[in-house]
Amino acid sequence: MRKVVFLILTMVALSLFAMPAFAQGGEAAASGGTNWVAITSGFAMAFAAALAALGQGRVASAACEGLARNPAARPGIQIALFVGLAFIESLVLFTFLIIFVKVVR
């Protein structure tokens, strides 16, 4: 355990020292270059959608288990299922909105 903690702290320290090596000069930033915001936003949206899909699967699985155990509780479970799915999907839409604002700006 101590070796893992030491390795992680060493990597953090090395990454702090490496940051000035990747700094750009004024002319390099103004020349256009690569739009990293657009590239990383695609990864962010994929990450958000993948985790939301996992969350929605777990919510649906829990709802199915609840219905199997107590079929009489169907209305309450169904309402909780739809509200939970709406909240999960809204997080993905908020991620999309933030990415859209950052890329267009």
C-alpha atoms as a PDB file:
ATOM      1  CA  MET A   1       0.000   0.000   0.000  1.00  0.00           C
ATOM      2  CA  ARG A   2       2.812   2.370   0.829  1.00  0.00           C
ATOM      3  CA  LYS A   3       4.418   1.731  -2.546  1.00  0.00           C
ATOM      4  CA  VAL A   4       1.189   2.597  -4.367  1.00  0.00           C
ATOM      5  CA  VAL A   5       0.763   5.834  -2.410  1.00  0.00           C
ATOM      6  CA  PHE A   6       4.399   6.735  -3.019  1.00  0.00           C
ATOM      7  CA  LEU A   7       4.024   6.015  -6.734  1.00  0.00           C
ATOM      8  CA  ILE A   8       0.898   8.180  -7.002  1.00  0.00           C
ATOM      9  CA  LEU A   9       2.484  11.076  -5.124  1.00  0.00           C
ATOM     10  CA  THR A  10       5.604  10.815  -7.284  1.00  0.00           C
ATOM     11  CA  MET A  11       3.516  10.947 -10.465  1.00  0.00           C
ATOM     12  CA  VAL A  12       1.619  13.995  -9.177  1.00  0.00           C
ATOM     13  CA  ALA A  13       4.881  15.763  -8.342  1.00  0.00           C
ATOM     14  CA  LEU A  14       6.354  14.968 -11.750  1.00  0.00           C
ATOM     15  CA  SER A  15       3.245  16.205 -13.520  1.00  0.00           C
ATOM     16  CA  LEU A  16       3.482  19.521 -11.669  1.00  0.00           C
ATOM     17  CA  PHE A  17       7.064  19.982 -12.861  1.00  0.00           C
ATOM     18  CA  ALA A  18       6.189  19.007 -16.432  1.00  0.00           C
ATOM     19  CA  MET A  19       3.479  21.656 -16.817  1.00  0.00           C
ATOM     20  CA  PRO A  20       5.790  24.509 -17.965  1.00  0.00           C
ATOM     21  CA  ALA A  21       7.195  22.255 -20.684  1.00  0.00           C
ATOM     22  CA  PHE A  22       3.821  22.240 -22.435  1.00  0.00           C
ATOM     23  CA  ALA A  23       3.244  25.985 -22.217  1.00  0.00           C
ATOM     24  CA  GLN A  24       2.762  27.747 -25.547  1.00  0.00           C
ATOM     25  CA  GLY A  25       4.150  31.042 -26.579  1.00  0.00           C
ATOM     26  CA  GLY A  26       1.974  33.920 -27.739  1.00  0.00           C
ATOM     27  CA  GLU A  27       2.452  33.251 -31.444  1.00  0.00           C
ATOM     28  CA  ALA A  28       1.654  29.539 -31.132  1.00  0.00           C
ATOM     29  CA  ALA A  29      -1.641  30.184 -29.373  1.00  0.00           C
ATOM     30  CA  ALA A  30      -2.723  32.846 -31.866  1.00  0.00           C
ATOM     31  CA  SER A  31      -1.940  30.767 -34.959  1.00  0.00           C
ATOM     32  CA  GLY A  32      -5.004  28.585 -34.646  1.00  0.00           C
ATOM     33  CA  GLY A  33      -3.559  25.240 -33.709  1.00  0.00           C
ATOM     34  CA  THR A  34      -5.722  22.394 -32.530  1.00  0.00           C
ATOM     35  CA  ASN A  35      -9.052  23.090 -30.909  1.00  0.00           C
ATOM     36  CA  TRP A  36      -8.649  20.921 -27.833  1.00  0.00           C
ATOM     37  CA  VAL A  37     -11.985  22.033 -26.399  1.00  0.00           C
ATOM     38  CA  ALA A  38     -13.831  20.500 -29.334  1.00  0.00           C
ATOM     39  CA  ILE A  39     -11.830  17.280 -29.138  1.00  0.00           C
ATOM     40  CA  THR A  40     -12.180  16.799 -25.398  1.00  0.00           C
ATOM     41  CA  SER A  41     -15.852  17.716 -25.474  1.00  0.00           C
ATOM     42  CA  GLY A  42     -16.525  14.630 -27.564  1.00  0.00           C
ATOM     43  CA  PHE A  43     -14.846  12.476 -24.942  1.00  0.00           C
ATOM     44  CA  ALA A  44     -16.761  14.255 -22.165  1.00  0.00           C
ATOM     45  CA  MET A  45     -20.088  13.648 -23.877  1.00  0.00           C
ATOM     46  CA  ALA A  46     -19.248   9.989 -24.483  1.00  0.00           C
ATOM     47  CA  PHE A  47     -18.219   9.606 -20.846  1.00  0.00           C
ATOM     48  CA  ALA A  48     -21.417  11.254 -19.599  1.00  0.00           C
ATOM     49  CA  ALA A  49     -23.623   9.188 -21.901  1.00  0.00           C
ATOM     50  CA  ALA A  50     -21.898   5.936 -20.949  1.00  0.00           C
ATOM     51  CA  LEU A  51     -22.235   6.551 -17.228  1.00  0.00           C
ATOM     52  CA  ALA A  52     -25.840   7.648 -17.651  1.00  0.00           C
ATOM     53  CA  ALA A  53     -26.585   4.451 -19.548  1.00  0.00           C
ATOM     54  CA  LEU A  54     -25.074   2.419 -16.718  1.00  0.00           C
ATOM     55  CA  GLY A  55     -27.141   4.366 -14.203  1.00  0.00           C
ATOM     56  CA  GLN A  56     -30.331   3.906 -16.177  1.00  0.00           C
ATOM     57  CA  GLY A  57     -29.676   0.188 -16.387  1.00  0.00           C
ATOM     58  CA  ARG A  58     -29.262  -0.023 -12.631  1.00  0.00           C
ATOM     59  CA  VAL A  59     -32.449   1.980 -12.050  1.00  0.00           C
ATOM     60  CA  ALA A  60     -34.443  -0.252 -14.395  1.00  0.00           C
ATOM     61  CA  SER A  61     -32.975  -3.368 -12.790  1.00  0.00           C
ATOM     62  CA  ALA A  62     -33.918  -2.176  -9.313  1.00  0.00           C
ATOM     63  CA  ALA A  63     -37.434  -1.334 -10.508  1.00  0.00           C
ATOM     64  CA  CYS A  64     -37.846  -4.805 -12.019  1.00  0.00           C
ATOM     65  CA  GLU A  65     -36.648  -6.429  -8.797  1.00  0.00           C
ATOM     66  CA  GLY A  66     -39.049  -4.292  -6.782  1.00  0.00           C
ATOM     67  CA  LEU A  67     -41.956  -5.230  -9.024  1.00  0.00           C
ATOM     68  CA  ALA A  68     -41.049  -8.906  -8.784  1.00  0.00           C
ATOM     69  CA  ARG A  69     -41.051  -8.754  -4.995  1.00  0.00           C
ATOM     70  CA  ASN A  70     -44.214  -6.688  -4.604  1.00  0.00           C
ATOM     71  CA  PRO A  71     -46.442  -6.387  -7.685  1.00  0.00           C
ATOM     72  CA  ALA A  72     -49.004  -4.362  -5.730  1.00  0.00           C
ATOM     73  CA  ALA A  73     -46.535  -1.482  -5.405  1.00  0.00           C
ATOM     74  CA  ARG A  74     -46.468  -0.958  -9.158  1.00  0.00           C
ATOM     75  CA  PRO A  75     -47.742   2.676  -9.256  1.00  0.00           C
ATOM     76  CA  GLY A  76     -45.212   3.921  -6.720  1.00  0.00           C
ATOM     77  CA  ILE A  77     -42.325   2.048  -8.272  1.00  0.00           C
ATOM     78  CA  GLN A  78     -43.274   3.211 -11.755  1.00  0.00           C
ATOM     79  CA  ILE A  79     -43.391   6.875 -10.704  1.00  0.00           C
ATOM     80  CA  ALA A  80     -40.021   6.563  -8.939  1.00  0.00           C
ATOM     81  CA  LEU A  81     -38.607   4.831 -12.025  1.00  0.00           C
ATOM     82  CA  PHE A  82     -39.698   7.594 -14.395  1.00  0.00           C
ATOM     83  CA  VAL A  83     -38.496  10.370 -12.082  1.00  0.00           C
ATOM     84  CA  GLY A  84     -35.128   8.650 -11.643  1.00  0.00           C
ATOM     85  CA  LEU A  85     -34.698   8.137 -15.374  1.00  0.00           C
ATOM     86  CA  ALA A  86     -35.619  11.773 -16.034  1.00  0.00           C
ATOM     87  CA  PHE A  87     -33.021  12.998 -13.536  1.00  0.00           C
ATOM     88  CA  ILE A  88     -30.326  10.787 -15.020  1.00  0.00           C
ATOM     89  CA  GLU A  89     -31.133  11.915 -18.554  1.00  0.00           C
ATOM     90  CA  SER A  90     -31.197  15.565 -17.484  1.00  0.00           C
ATOM     91  CA  LEU A  91     -27.589  15.262 -16.296  1.00  0.00           C
ATOM     92  CA  VAL A  92     -26.552  14.156 -19.786  1.00  0.00           C
ATOM     93  CA  LEU A  93     -28.493  17.047 -21.314  1.00  0.00           C
ATOM     94  CA  PHE A  94     -26.811  19.493 -18.927  1.00  0.00           C
ATOM     95  CA  THR A  95     -23.437  18.073 -19.970  1.00  0.00           C
ATOM     96  CA  PHE A  96     -24.384  18.543 -23.611  1.00  0.00           C
ATOM     97  CA  LEU A  97     -25.474  22.136 -22.923  1.00  0.00           C
ATOM     98  CA  ILE A  98     -22.233  23.013 -21.145  1.00  0.00           C
ATOM     99  CA  ILE A  99     -20.164  21.452 -23.931  1.00  0.00           C
ATOM    100  CA  PHE A 100     -22.187  23.305 -26.575  1.00  0.00           C
ATOM    101  CA  VAL A 101     -21.646  26.625 -24.801  1.00  0.00           C
ATOM    102  CA  LYS A 102     -17.899  26.003 -24.438  1.00  0.00           C
ATOM    103  CA  VAL A 103     -17.377  24.919 -28.070  1.00  0.00           C
ATOM    104  CA  VAL A 104     -19.432  27.680 -29.652  1.00  0.00           C
ATOM    105  CA  ARG A 105     -17.863  30.413 -27.529  1.00  0.00           C
END
